[in-house]
Protein backbone atom coordinates (compact mmCIF):
# COMPACT_ATOMS: atom_id res chain seq x y z
CA UNK A 1 0.00 0.00 0.00
CA UNK A 2 1.21 3.50 -0.77
CA UNK A 3 1.39 6.14 1.93
CA UNK A 4 2.35 9.79 1.87
CA UNK A 5 4.33 10.76 4.96
CA UNK A 6 4.17 14.47 5.72
CA UNK A 7 7.51 15.31 7.32
CA UNK A 8 8.76 18.56 8.82
CA UNK A 9 12.42 19.50 9.15
CA UNK A 10 14.08 18.24 5.95
CA UNK A 11 16.31 20.97 4.58
CA UNK A 12 18.87 19.47 2.19
CA UNK A 13 19.81 16.55 -0.05
CA UNK A 14 21.71 15.01 2.85
CA UNK A 15 18.47 14.93 4.88
CA UNK A 16 16.70 13.28 1.95
CA UNK A 17 19.39 10.61 1.54
CA UNK A 18 19.50 9.85 5.28
CA UNK A 19 15.73 9.44 5.40
CA UNK A 20 15.68 7.17 2.35
CA UNK A 21 18.43 4.96 3.74
CA UNK A 22 16.88 4.74 7.20
CA UNK A 23 13.41 3.85 5.93
CA UNK A 24 14.61 1.17 3.52
CA UNK A 25 17.45 -0.32 5.59
CA UNK A 26 15.96 -0.18 9.09
CA UNK A 27 12.42 -1.32 8.29
CA UNK A 28 11.67 -4.44 6.26
CA UNK A 29 8.83 -3.99 3.81
CA UNK A 30 9.30 -0.29 3.01
CA UNK A 31 10.18 1.04 -0.46
CA UNK A 32 10.74 4.77 -0.90
CA UNK A 33 9.18 6.02 -4.14
CA UNK A 34 9.85 9.74 -3.78
CA UNK A 35 10.97 12.32 -1.23
CA UNK A 36 10.32 16.04 -1.69
CA UNK A 37 12.31 18.39 0.52
CA UNK A 38 10.43 21.41 -0.86
CA UNK A 39 6.97 19.98 -0.21
CA UNK A 40 7.91 18.07 2.95
CA UNK A 41 6.82 14.56 2.15
CA UNK A 42 8.02 11.03 1.50
CA UNK A 43 5.97 8.72 -0.69
CA UNK A 44 6.46 5.08 0.28
CA UNK A 45 5.14 1.63 -0.52
CA UNK A 46 4.89 -0.55 2.55
CA UNK A 47 3.53 -3.95 3.33
CA UNK A 48 0.80 -4.50 5.88
CA UNK A 49 3.25 -5.74 8.53
CA UNK A 50 4.86 -2.29 8.83
CA UNK A 51 3.62 -0.22 11.76
CA UNK A 52 3.38 3.55 11.47
CA UNK A 53 5.02 3.87 14.91
CA UNK A 54 8.16 2.21 13.51
CA UNK A 55 8.26 4.77 10.72
CA UNK A 56 7.60 7.60 13.18
CA UNK A 57 10.50 6.45 15.37
CA UNK A 58 12.89 6.37 12.39
CA UNK A 59 11.81 9.83 11.22
CA UNK A 60 12.16 11.33 14.70
CA UNK A 61 15.52 9.61 15.34
CA UNK A 62 16.79 11.57 12.33
CA UNK A 63 15.60 14.83 13.88
CA UNK A 64 12.51 15.31 11.73
CA UNK A 65 8.84 15.35 12.71
CA UNK A 66 6.17 13.10 11.21
CA UNK A 67 3.17 15.41 10.87
CA UNK A 68 0.65 13.10 9.21
CA UNK A 69 0.24 9.93 7.16
CA UNK A 70 -2.15 9.89 4.20
PDB file of N, CA and C in Angstrom:
ATOM      1  N   UNK A   1       0.831  -1.173   0.000  1.00  0.00           N
ATOM      2  CA  UNK A   1       0.000   0.000   0.000  1.00  0.00           C
ATOM      3  C   UNK A   1       0.880   1.242   0.000  1.00  0.00           C
ATOM      4  N   UNK A   2       0.456   2.250  -0.703  1.00  0.00           N
ATOM      5  CA  UNK A   2       1.211   3.499  -0.773  1.00  0.00           C
ATOM      6  C   UNK A   2       0.740   4.457   0.308  1.00  0.00           C
ATOM      7  N   UNK A   3       1.684   5.140   0.908  1.00  0.00           N
ATOM      8  CA  UNK A   3       1.390   6.136   1.935  1.00  0.00           C
ATOM      9  C   UNK A   3       2.231   7.376   1.668  1.00  0.00           C
ATOM     10  N   UNK A   4       1.637   8.521   1.969  1.00  0.00           N
ATOM     11  CA  UNK A   4       2.346   9.792   1.867  1.00  0.00           C
ATOM     12  C   UNK A   4       2.632  10.255   3.295  1.00  0.00           C
ATOM     13  N   UNK A   5       3.904  10.338   3.635  1.00  0.00           N
ATOM     14  CA  UNK A   5       4.334  10.760   4.962  1.00  0.00           C
ATOM     15  C   UNK A   5       4.639  12.246   4.919  1.00  0.00           C
ATOM     16  N   UNK A   6       3.905  13.039   5.664  1.00  0.00           N
ATOM     17  CA  UNK A   6       4.174  14.472   5.725  1.00  0.00           C
ATOM     18  C   UNK A   6       5.206  14.695   6.826  1.00  0.00           C
ATOM     19  N   UNK A   7       6.357  15.222   6.427  1.00  0.00           N
ATOM     20  CA  UNK A   7       7.509  15.312   7.318  1.00  0.00           C
ATOM     21  C   UNK A   7       8.012  16.749   7.381  1.00  0.00           C
ATOM     22  N   UNK A   8       8.248  17.208   8.587  1.00  0.00           N
ATOM     23  CA  UNK A   8       8.761  18.560   8.818  1.00  0.00           C
ATOM     24  C   UNK A   8      10.228  18.477   9.229  1.00  0.00           C
ATOM     25  N   UNK A   9      11.039  19.389   8.698  1.00  0.00           N
ATOM     26  CA  UNK A   9      12.416  19.502   9.148  1.00  0.00           C
ATOM     27  C   UNK A   9      13.476  19.101   8.143  1.00  0.00           C
ATOM     28  N   UNK A  10      13.079  18.579   6.974  1.00  0.00           N
ATOM     29  CA  UNK A  10      14.076  18.236   5.954  1.00  0.00           C
ATOM     30  C   UNK A  10      14.510  19.518   5.249  1.00  0.00           C
ATOM     31  N   UNK A  11      15.817  19.713   5.142  1.00  0.00           N
ATOM     32  CA  UNK A  11      16.309  20.966   4.576  1.00  0.00           C
ATOM     33  C   UNK A  11      17.277  20.803   3.401  1.00  0.00           C
ATOM     34  N   UNK A  12      17.843  19.606   3.219  1.00  0.00           N
ATOM     35  CA  UNK A  12      18.874  19.465   2.189  1.00  0.00           C
ATOM     36  C   UNK A  12      18.873  18.056   1.598  1.00  0.00           C
ATOM     37  N   UNK A  13      19.700  17.858   0.584  1.00  0.00           N
ATOM     38  CA  UNK A  13      19.813  16.551  -0.055  1.00  0.00           C
ATOM     39  C   UNK A  13      20.355  15.503   0.906  1.00  0.00           C
ATOM     40  N   UNK A  14      21.184  15.928   1.843  1.00  0.00           N
ATOM     41  CA  UNK A  14      21.714  15.014   2.850  1.00  0.00           C
ATOM     42  C   UNK A  14      20.578  14.475   3.721  1.00  0.00           C
ATOM     43  N   UNK A  15      19.650  15.340   4.099  1.00  0.00           N
ATOM     44  CA  UNK A  15      18.472  14.926   4.875  1.00  0.00           C
ATOM     45  C   UNK A  15      17.669  13.889   4.091  1.00  0.00           C
ATOM     46  N   UNK A  16      17.468  14.172   2.823  1.00  0.00           N
ATOM     47  CA  UNK A  16      16.702  13.282   1.949  1.00  0.00           C
ATOM     48  C   UNK A  16      17.355  11.908   1.860  1.00  0.00           C
ATOM     49  N   UNK A  17      18.661  11.877   1.669  1.00  0.00           N
ATOM     50  CA  UNK A  17      19.386  10.615   1.545  1.00  0.00           C
ATOM     51  C   UNK A  17      19.346   9.831   2.854  1.00  0.00           C
ATOM     52  N   UNK A  18      19.546  10.522   3.977  1.00  0.00           N
ATOM     53  CA  UNK A  18      19.498   9.851   5.280  1.00  0.00           C
ATOM     54  C   UNK A  18      18.134   9.230   5.540  1.00  0.00           C
ATOM     55  N   UNK A  19      17.075   9.959   5.201  1.00  0.00           N
ATOM     56  CA  UNK A  19      15.730   9.444   5.402  1.00  0.00           C
ATOM     57  C   UNK A  19      15.487   8.218   4.525  1.00  0.00           C
ATOM     58  N   UNK A  20      15.871   8.298   3.274  1.00  0.00           N
ATOM     59  CA  UNK A  20      15.679   7.175   2.351  1.00  0.00           C
ATOM     60  C   UNK A  20      16.405   5.936   2.854  1.00  0.00           C
ATOM     61  N   UNK A  21      17.655   6.098   3.249  1.00  0.00           N
ATOM     62  CA  UNK A  21      18.433   4.961   3.736  1.00  0.00           C
ATOM     63  C   UNK A  21      17.827   4.379   5.006  1.00  0.00           C
ATOM     64  N   UNK A  22      17.428   5.226   5.931  1.00  0.00           N
ATOM     65  CA  UNK A  22      16.877   4.745   7.200  1.00  0.00           C
ATOM     66  C   UNK A  22      15.572   3.982   6.990  1.00  0.00           C
ATOM     67  N   UNK A  23      14.693   4.509   6.153  1.00  0.00           N
ATOM     68  CA  UNK A  23      13.406   3.850   5.929  1.00  0.00           C
ATOM     69  C   UNK A  23      13.572   2.504   5.239  1.00  0.00           C
ATOM     70  N   UNK A  24      14.478   2.416   4.281  1.00  0.00           N
ATOM     71  CA  UNK A  24      14.614   1.173   3.522  1.00  0.00           C
ATOM     72  C   UNK A  24      15.523   0.157   4.209  1.00  0.00           C
ATOM     73  N   UNK A  25      16.515   0.611   4.957  1.00  0.00           N
ATOM     74  CA  UNK A  25      17.447  -0.318   5.587  1.00  0.00           C
ATOM     75  C   UNK A  25      17.013  -0.738   6.986  1.00  0.00           C
ATOM     76  N   UNK A  26      16.317   0.121   7.707  1.00  0.00           N
ATOM     77  CA  UNK A  26      15.958  -0.177   9.095  1.00  0.00           C
ATOM     78  C   UNK A  26      14.582  -0.821   9.245  1.00  0.00           C
ATOM     79  N   UNK A  27      13.756  -0.741   8.220  1.00  0.00           N
ATOM     80  CA  UNK A  27      12.416  -1.319   8.294  1.00  0.00           C
ATOM     81  C   UNK A  27      12.201  -2.226   7.086  1.00  0.00           C
ATOM     82  N   UNK A  28      11.987  -3.514   7.346  1.00  0.00           N
ATOM     83  CA  UNK A  28      11.667  -4.438   6.259  1.00  0.00           C
ATOM     84  C   UNK A  28      10.274  -4.144   5.728  1.00  0.00           C
ATOM     85  N   UNK A  29      10.138  -4.169   4.414  1.00  0.00           N
ATOM     86  CA  UNK A  29       8.829  -3.986   3.810  1.00  0.00           C
ATOM     87  C   UNK A  29       8.509  -2.563   3.409  1.00  0.00           C
ATOM     88  N   UNK A  30       9.518  -1.676   3.417  1.00  0.00           N
ATOM     89  CA  UNK A  30       9.296  -0.288   3.005  1.00  0.00           C
ATOM     90  C   UNK A  30      10.136   0.009   1.770  1.00  0.00           C
ATOM     91  N   UNK A  31       9.506   0.577   0.751  1.00  0.00           N
ATOM     92  CA  UNK A  31      10.184   1.038  -0.461  1.00  0.00           C
ATOM     93  C   UNK A  31       9.881   2.522  -0.626  1.00  0.00           C
ATOM     94  N   UNK A  32      10.922   3.335  -0.721  1.00  0.00           N
ATOM     95  CA  UNK A  32      10.739   4.772  -0.904  1.00  0.00           C
ATOM     96  C   UNK A  32      10.569   5.054  -2.394  1.00  0.00           C
ATOM     97  N   UNK A  33       9.456   5.678  -2.751  1.00  0.00           N
ATOM     98  CA  UNK A  33       9.175   6.020  -4.140  1.00  0.00           C
ATOM     99  C   UNK A  33       9.650   7.425  -4.476  1.00  0.00           C
ATOM    100  N   UNK A  34       9.474   8.349  -3.540  1.00  0.00           N
ATOM    101  CA  UNK A  34       9.853   9.739  -3.779  1.00  0.00           C
ATOM    102  C   UNK A  34       9.956  10.464  -2.444  1.00  0.00           C
ATOM    103  N   UNK A  35      10.867  11.425  -2.387  1.00  0.00           N
ATOM    104  CA  UNK A  35      10.974  12.320  -1.234  1.00  0.00           C
ATOM    105  C   UNK A  35      11.095  13.735  -1.780  1.00  0.00           C
ATOM    106  N   UNK A  36      10.258  14.638  -1.283  1.00  0.00           N
ATOM    107  CA  UNK A  36      10.323  16.040  -1.686  1.00  0.00           C
ATOM    108  C   UNK A  36      10.698  16.888  -0.480  1.00  0.00           C
ATOM    109  N   UNK A  37      11.868  17.484  -0.546  1.00  0.00           N
ATOM    110  CA  UNK A  37      12.310  18.393   0.518  1.00  0.00           C
ATOM    111  C   UNK A  37      11.433  19.641   0.493  1.00  0.00           C
ATOM    112  N   UNK A  38      11.181  20.167  -0.699  1.00  0.00           N
ATOM    113  CA  UNK A  38      10.432  21.411  -0.865  1.00  0.00           C
ATOM    114  C   UNK A  38       9.003  21.294  -0.336  1.00  0.00           C
ATOM    115  N   UNK A  39       8.362  20.158  -0.609  1.00  0.00           N
ATOM    116  CA  UNK A  39       6.969  19.983  -0.212  1.00  0.00           C
ATOM    117  C   UNK A  39       6.816  19.230   1.104  1.00  0.00           C
ATOM    118  N   UNK A  40       7.921  18.704   1.639  1.00  0.00           N
ATOM    119  CA  UNK A  40       7.907  18.069   2.950  1.00  0.00           C
ATOM    120  C   UNK A  40       7.165  16.750   3.024  1.00  0.00           C
ATOM    121  N   UNK A  41       7.463  15.865   2.078  1.00  0.00           N
ATOM    122  CA  UNK A  41       6.820  14.562   2.145  1.00  0.00           C
ATOM    123  C   UNK A  41       7.744  13.457   1.649  1.00  0.00           C
ATOM    124  N   UNK A  42       7.400  12.241   2.051  1.00  0.00           N
ATOM    125  CA  UNK A  42       8.017  11.033   1.504  1.00  0.00           C
ATOM    126  C   UNK A  42       6.878  10.133   1.061  1.00  0.00           C
ATOM    127  N   UNK A  43       6.948   9.645  -0.157  1.00  0.00           N
ATOM    128  CA  UNK A  43       5.970   8.716  -0.691  1.00  0.00           C
ATOM    129  C   UNK A  43       6.586   7.327  -0.621  1.00  0.00           C
ATOM    130  N   UNK A  44       5.910   6.419   0.075  1.00  0.00           N
ATOM    131  CA  UNK A  44       6.461   5.081   0.276  1.00  0.00           C
ATOM    132  C   UNK A  44       5.433   4.012  -0.057  1.00  0.00           C
ATOM    133  N   UNK A  45       5.937   2.853  -0.459  1.00  0.00           N
ATOM    134  CA  UNK A  45       5.143   1.633  -0.524  1.00  0.00           C
ATOM    135  C   UNK A  45       5.543   0.824   0.688  1.00  0.00           C
ATOM    136  N   UNK A  46       4.563   0.271   1.382  1.00  0.00           N
ATOM    137  CA  UNK A  46       4.888  -0.546   2.547  1.00  0.00           C
ATOM    138  C   UNK A  46       3.920  -1.706   2.640  1.00  0.00           C
ATOM    139  N   UNK A  47       4.427  -2.812   3.174  1.00  0.00           N
ATOM    140  CA  UNK A  47       3.528  -3.951   3.331  1.00  0.00           C
ATOM    141  C   UNK A  47       2.710  -3.791   4.602  1.00  0.00           C
ATOM    142  N   UNK A  48       1.735  -4.638   4.768  1.00  0.00           N
ATOM    143  CA  UNK A  48       0.796  -4.500   5.881  1.00  0.00           C
ATOM    144  C   UNK A  48       1.425  -4.790   7.238  1.00  0.00           C
ATOM    145  N   UNK A  49       2.584  -5.419   7.266  1.00  0.00           N
ATOM    146  CA  UNK A  49       3.253  -5.735   8.529  1.00  0.00           C
ATOM    147  C   UNK A  49       3.973  -4.537   9.140  1.00  0.00           C
ATOM    148  N   UNK A  50       4.145  -3.475   8.364  1.00  0.00           N
ATOM    149  CA  UNK A  50       4.863  -2.294   8.833  1.00  0.00           C
ATOM    150  C   UNK A  50       3.929  -1.445   9.685  1.00  0.00           C
ATOM    151  N   UNK A  51       4.404  -1.062  10.863  1.00  0.00           N
ATOM    152  CA  UNK A  51       3.621  -0.220  11.763  1.00  0.00           C
ATOM    153  C   UNK A  51       4.058   1.238  11.616  1.00  0.00           C
ATOM    154  N   UNK A  52       3.101   2.120  11.612  1.00  0.00           N
ATOM    155  CA  UNK A  52       3.384   3.551  11.474  1.00  0.00           C
ATOM    156  C   UNK A  52       4.289   4.028  12.609  1.00  0.00           C
ATOM    157  N   UNK A  53       4.154   3.465  13.794  1.00  0.00           N
ATOM    158  CA  UNK A  53       5.016   3.868  14.910  1.00  0.00           C
ATOM    159  C   UNK A  53       6.482   3.580  14.631  1.00  0.00           C
ATOM    160  N   UNK A  54       6.767   2.502  13.891  1.00  0.00           N
ATOM    161  CA  UNK A  54       8.156   2.209  13.512  1.00  0.00           C
ATOM    162  C   UNK A  54       8.689   3.288  12.582  1.00  0.00           C
ATOM    163  N   UNK A  55       7.863   3.705  11.648  1.00  0.00           N
ATOM    164  CA  UNK A  55       8.257   4.769  10.724  1.00  0.00           C
ATOM    165  C   UNK A  55       8.443   6.077  11.489  1.00  0.00           C
ATOM    166  N   UNK A  56       7.513   6.378  12.380  1.00  0.00           N
ATOM    167  CA  UNK A  56       7.601   7.603  13.176  1.00  0.00           C
ATOM    168  C   UNK A  56       8.894   7.635  13.977  1.00  0.00           C
ATOM    169  N   UNK A  57       9.259   6.516  14.586  1.00  0.00           N
ATOM    170  CA  UNK A  57      10.496   6.452  15.366  1.00  0.00           C
ATOM    171  C   UNK A  57      11.725   6.712  14.510  1.00  0.00           C
ATOM    172  N   UNK A  58      11.757   6.152  13.310  1.00  0.00           N
ATOM    173  CA  UNK A  58      12.887   6.369  12.393  1.00  0.00           C
ATOM    174  C   UNK A  58      12.973   7.841  12.013  1.00  0.00           C
ATOM    175  N   UNK A  59      11.842   8.422  11.632  1.00  0.00           N
ATOM    176  CA  UNK A  59      11.806   9.830  11.223  1.00  0.00           C
ATOM    177  C   UNK A  59      12.286  10.725  12.357  1.00  0.00           C
ATOM    178  N   UNK A  60      11.802  10.483  13.566  1.00  0.00           N
ATOM    179  CA  UNK A  60      12.162  11.333  14.700  1.00  0.00           C
ATOM    180  C   UNK A  60      13.596  11.098  15.168  1.00  0.00           C
ATOM    181  N   UNK A  61      14.114   9.881  15.009  1.00  0.00           N
ATOM    182  CA  UNK A  61      15.523   9.614  15.340  1.00  0.00           C
ATOM    183  C   UNK A  61      16.460  10.432  14.453  1.00  0.00           C
ATOM    184  N   UNK A  62      15.988  10.758  13.247  1.00  0.00           N
ATOM    185  CA  UNK A  62      16.786  11.568  12.328  1.00  0.00           C
ATOM    186  C   UNK A  62      16.653  13.070  12.606  1.00  0.00           C
ATOM    187  N   UNK A  63      15.779  13.430  13.536  1.00  0.00           N
ATOM    188  CA  UNK A  63      15.600  14.830  13.885  1.00  0.00           C
ATOM    189  C   UNK A  63      14.470  15.522  13.153  1.00  0.00           C
ATOM    190  N   UNK A  64      13.653  14.763  12.438  1.00  0.00           N
ATOM    191  CA  UNK A  64      12.511  15.310  11.726  1.00  0.00           C
ATOM    192  C   UNK A  64      11.245  15.033  12.526  1.00  0.00           C
ATOM    193  N   UNK A  65      10.117  15.574  12.052  1.00  0.00           N
ATOM    194  CA  UNK A  65       8.843  15.347  12.715  1.00  0.00           C
ATOM    195  C   UNK A  65       7.839  14.804  11.708  1.00  0.00           C
ATOM    196  N   UNK A  66       7.229  13.665  12.046  1.00  0.00           N
ATOM    197  CA  UNK A  66       6.174  13.099  11.212  1.00  0.00           C
ATOM    198  C   UNK A  66       4.870  13.798  11.567  1.00  0.00           C
ATOM    199  N   UNK A  67       4.363  14.604  10.648  1.00  0.00           N
ATOM    200  CA  UNK A  67       3.170  15.414  10.869  1.00  0.00           C
ATOM    201  C   UNK A  67       1.892  14.610  10.641  1.00  0.00           C
ATOM    202  N   UNK A  68       1.858  13.839   9.560  1.00  0.00           N
ATOM    203  CA  UNK A  68       0.652  13.103   9.207  1.00  0.00           C
ATOM    204  C   UNK A  68       1.002  11.985   8.223  1.00  0.00           C
ATOM    205  N   UNK A  69       0.110  11.015   8.122  1.00  0.00           N
ATOM    206  CA  UNK A  69       0.243   9.925   7.163  1.00  0.00           C
ATOM    207  C   UNK A  69      -1.061   9.854   6.379  1.00  0.00           C
ATOM    208  N   UNK A  70      -0.937   9.922   5.058  1.00  0.00           N
ATOM    209  CA  UNK A  70      -2.148   9.886   4.197  1.00  0.00           C
ATOM    210  C   UNK A  70      -2.062   8.741   3.220  1.00  0.00           C
TER     211      UNK A  70
END
